[in-house]
Amino acid sequence: MKCPICKKEVSPGDPEFPFCGERCRVMDLANWATGQYVIHEPVQFGPADANDDEES
């Protein structure tokens, strides 16, 4: 597998997997925090999830 940030080869046993190291892991977190990564579709709740709200 390749690191999603720098594309360096990473093996599943590496401590920072799926990243090659702490630097790429922190860069990925920063991308989420600054809005560079976005989930474009709204979350879809199923019938089981709707029942959870009613019990609260």
Protein backbone atom coordinates (compact mmCIF):
# COMPACT_ATOMS: atom_id res chain seq x y z
CA MET A 1 0.00 0.00 0.00
CA LYS A 2 1.13 3.58 -0.56
CA CYS A 3 0.93 6.48 1.88
CA PRO A 4 -2.06 8.64 0.86
CA ILE A 5 -0.01 11.83 1.30
CA CYS A 6 3.47 11.20 -0.16
CA LYS A 7 2.82 7.90 -2.01
CA LYS A 8 5.78 6.15 -0.29
CA GLU A 9 5.37 2.37 0.14
CA VAL A 10 3.94 1.40 3.54
CA SER A 11 3.42 -2.08 4.96
CA PRO A 12 0.40 -2.92 7.15
CA GLY A 13 2.68 -3.63 10.14
CA ASP A 14 4.14 -0.10 10.22
CA PRO A 15 3.24 1.83 13.40
CA GLU A 16 1.85 4.86 11.49
CA PHE A 17 -0.11 2.76 8.96
CA PRO A 18 -1.68 3.76 6.57
CA PHE A 19 0.76 6.69 6.60
CA CYS A 20 4.53 6.38 6.24
CA GLY A 21 5.19 8.48 9.33
CA GLU A 22 3.96 11.09 11.78
CA ARG A 23 4.50 13.97 9.32
CA CYS A 24 2.10 12.53 6.73
CA ARG A 25 -0.42 11.55 9.44
CA VAL A 26 -0.45 15.13 10.77
CA MET A 27 -0.70 16.56 7.25
CA ASP A 28 -3.76 14.38 6.62
CA LEU A 29 -5.38 15.58 9.86
CA ALA A 30 -4.65 19.19 8.88
CA ASN A 31 -6.33 18.62 5.51
CA TRP A 32 -9.51 17.52 7.30
CA ALA A 33 -9.31 20.38 9.81
CA THR A 34 -8.91 23.05 7.13
CA GLY A 35 -11.74 21.71 4.97
CA GLN A 36 -9.58 20.45 2.10
CA TYR A 37 -11.27 17.06 2.47
CA VAL A 38 -15.06 17.12 2.26
CA ILE A 39 -17.72 14.42 2.36
CA HIS A 40 -20.09 15.58 -0.35
CA GLU A 41 -23.13 13.42 0.36
CA PRO A 42 -25.23 13.92 3.49
CA VAL A 43 -25.30 11.13 6.04
CA GLN A 44 -28.21 8.76 5.41
CA PHE A 45 -29.88 7.38 8.52
CA GLY A 46 -31.74 4.09 8.32
CA PRO A 47 -34.86 3.07 10.25
CA ALA A 48 -32.80 1.64 13.14
CA ASP A 49 -30.98 4.99 13.56
CA ALA A 50 -34.26 6.93 13.61
CA ASN A 51 -35.55 4.78 16.48
CA ASP A 52 -32.47 5.66 18.56
CA ASP A 53 -33.46 9.36 18.52
CA GLU A 54 -36.97 8.62 19.71
CA GLU A 55 -35.74 6.73 22.79
CA SER A 56 -33.66 9.65 24.10
